[in-house]
Structures are given as structure tokens and as C-alpha cells.
Amino acid sequence: MRCIQLDDRNLCKLFGKPERPKVCHNFKACPDVCGDNNAKALENILELERLT
């Protein structure tokens, strides 16, 4: 499920705000998960969800 806090440009509406969840703050994008574009990132995340 897409995060409800993403805007139309896929940017976090809570970035830099104290109410931003710690899990989001601690997440560091890496090529293994995110690939090099939004489509690859979504494909990878969907596969990880399918596997778990």
C-alpha cells in the first residue's frame, strides 16, 4: 500500500517534521531495494512483500 503521506511527486509531506515516524527517518534507500527509479523500487518492494 502506498504511503498516504506521499505527495503527487512521491515526496514525503512529513519530511523534516517532528511527527514523521522514526521508521521513515531511519530508512536509508539502497540500490538493492530501490533500484534506480520509482518503477524498479515498486517492483522490488512488491516482490519482498510477496515473499514475506
Protein backbone atom coordinates (compact mmCIF):
# COMPACT_ATOMS: atom_id res chain seq x y z
CA MET A 1 0.00 0.00 0.00
CA ARG A 2 1.34 3.42 -0.96
CA CYS A 3 2.13 5.71 1.96
CA ILE A 4 -0.64 8.27 2.45
CA GLN A 5 1.97 10.89 3.32
CA LEU A 6 3.45 10.95 -0.19
CA ASP A 7 2.50 13.85 -2.42
CA ASP A 8 1.95 13.73 -6.20
CA ARG A 9 5.72 13.85 -6.75
CA ASN A 10 6.29 10.96 -4.31
CA LEU A 11 7.85 13.30 -1.77
CA CYS A 12 7.14 12.89 1.93
CA LYS A 13 4.75 15.50 3.30
CA LEU A 14 6.19 14.93 6.78
CA PHE A 15 9.88 15.23 5.86
CA GLY A 16 11.69 17.36 8.44
CA LYS A 17 8.69 17.49 10.75
CA PRO A 18 8.74 16.07 14.30
CA GLU A 19 5.65 13.92 13.61
CA ARG A 20 7.48 11.97 10.89
CA PRO A 21 7.65 8.33 12.08
CA LYS A 22 11.01 7.10 13.28
CA VAL A 23 10.88 4.15 10.86
CA CYS A 24 10.78 6.62 7.96
CA HIS A 25 13.58 8.72 9.41
CA ASN A 26 15.78 5.64 9.86
CA PHE A 27 15.13 4.19 6.39
CA LYS A 28 18.10 4.65 4.08
CA ALA A 29 17.38 3.94 0.44
CA CYS A 30 19.76 1.46 -1.14
CA PRO A 31 20.07 0.24 -4.74
CA ASP A 32 19.31 -3.36 -3.69
CA VAL A 33 15.82 -2.34 -2.59
CA CYS A 34 15.12 0.84 -4.52
CA GLY A 35 16.83 0.20 -7.84
CA ASP A 36 17.48 3.31 -9.89
CA ASN A 37 13.92 4.53 -10.49
CA ASN A 38 10.41 4.53 -8.96
CA ALA A 39 9.16 1.66 -11.12
CA LYS A 40 12.02 -0.63 -10.06
CA ALA A 41 11.57 0.34 -6.42
CA LEU A 42 7.88 -0.56 -6.52
CA GLU A 43 8.65 -3.84 -8.31
CA ASN A 44 11.25 -4.76 -5.67
CA ILE A 45 9.01 -3.83 -2.76
CA LEU A 46 6.09 -5.81 -4.17
CA GLU A 47 8.36 -8.84 -4.56
CA LEU A 48 9.59 -8.51 -0.97
CA GLU A 49 6.01 -8.33 0.26
CA ARG A 50 5.09 -11.37 -1.82
CA LEU A 51 8.00 -13.34 -0.35
CA THR A 52 7.10 -12.49 3.22
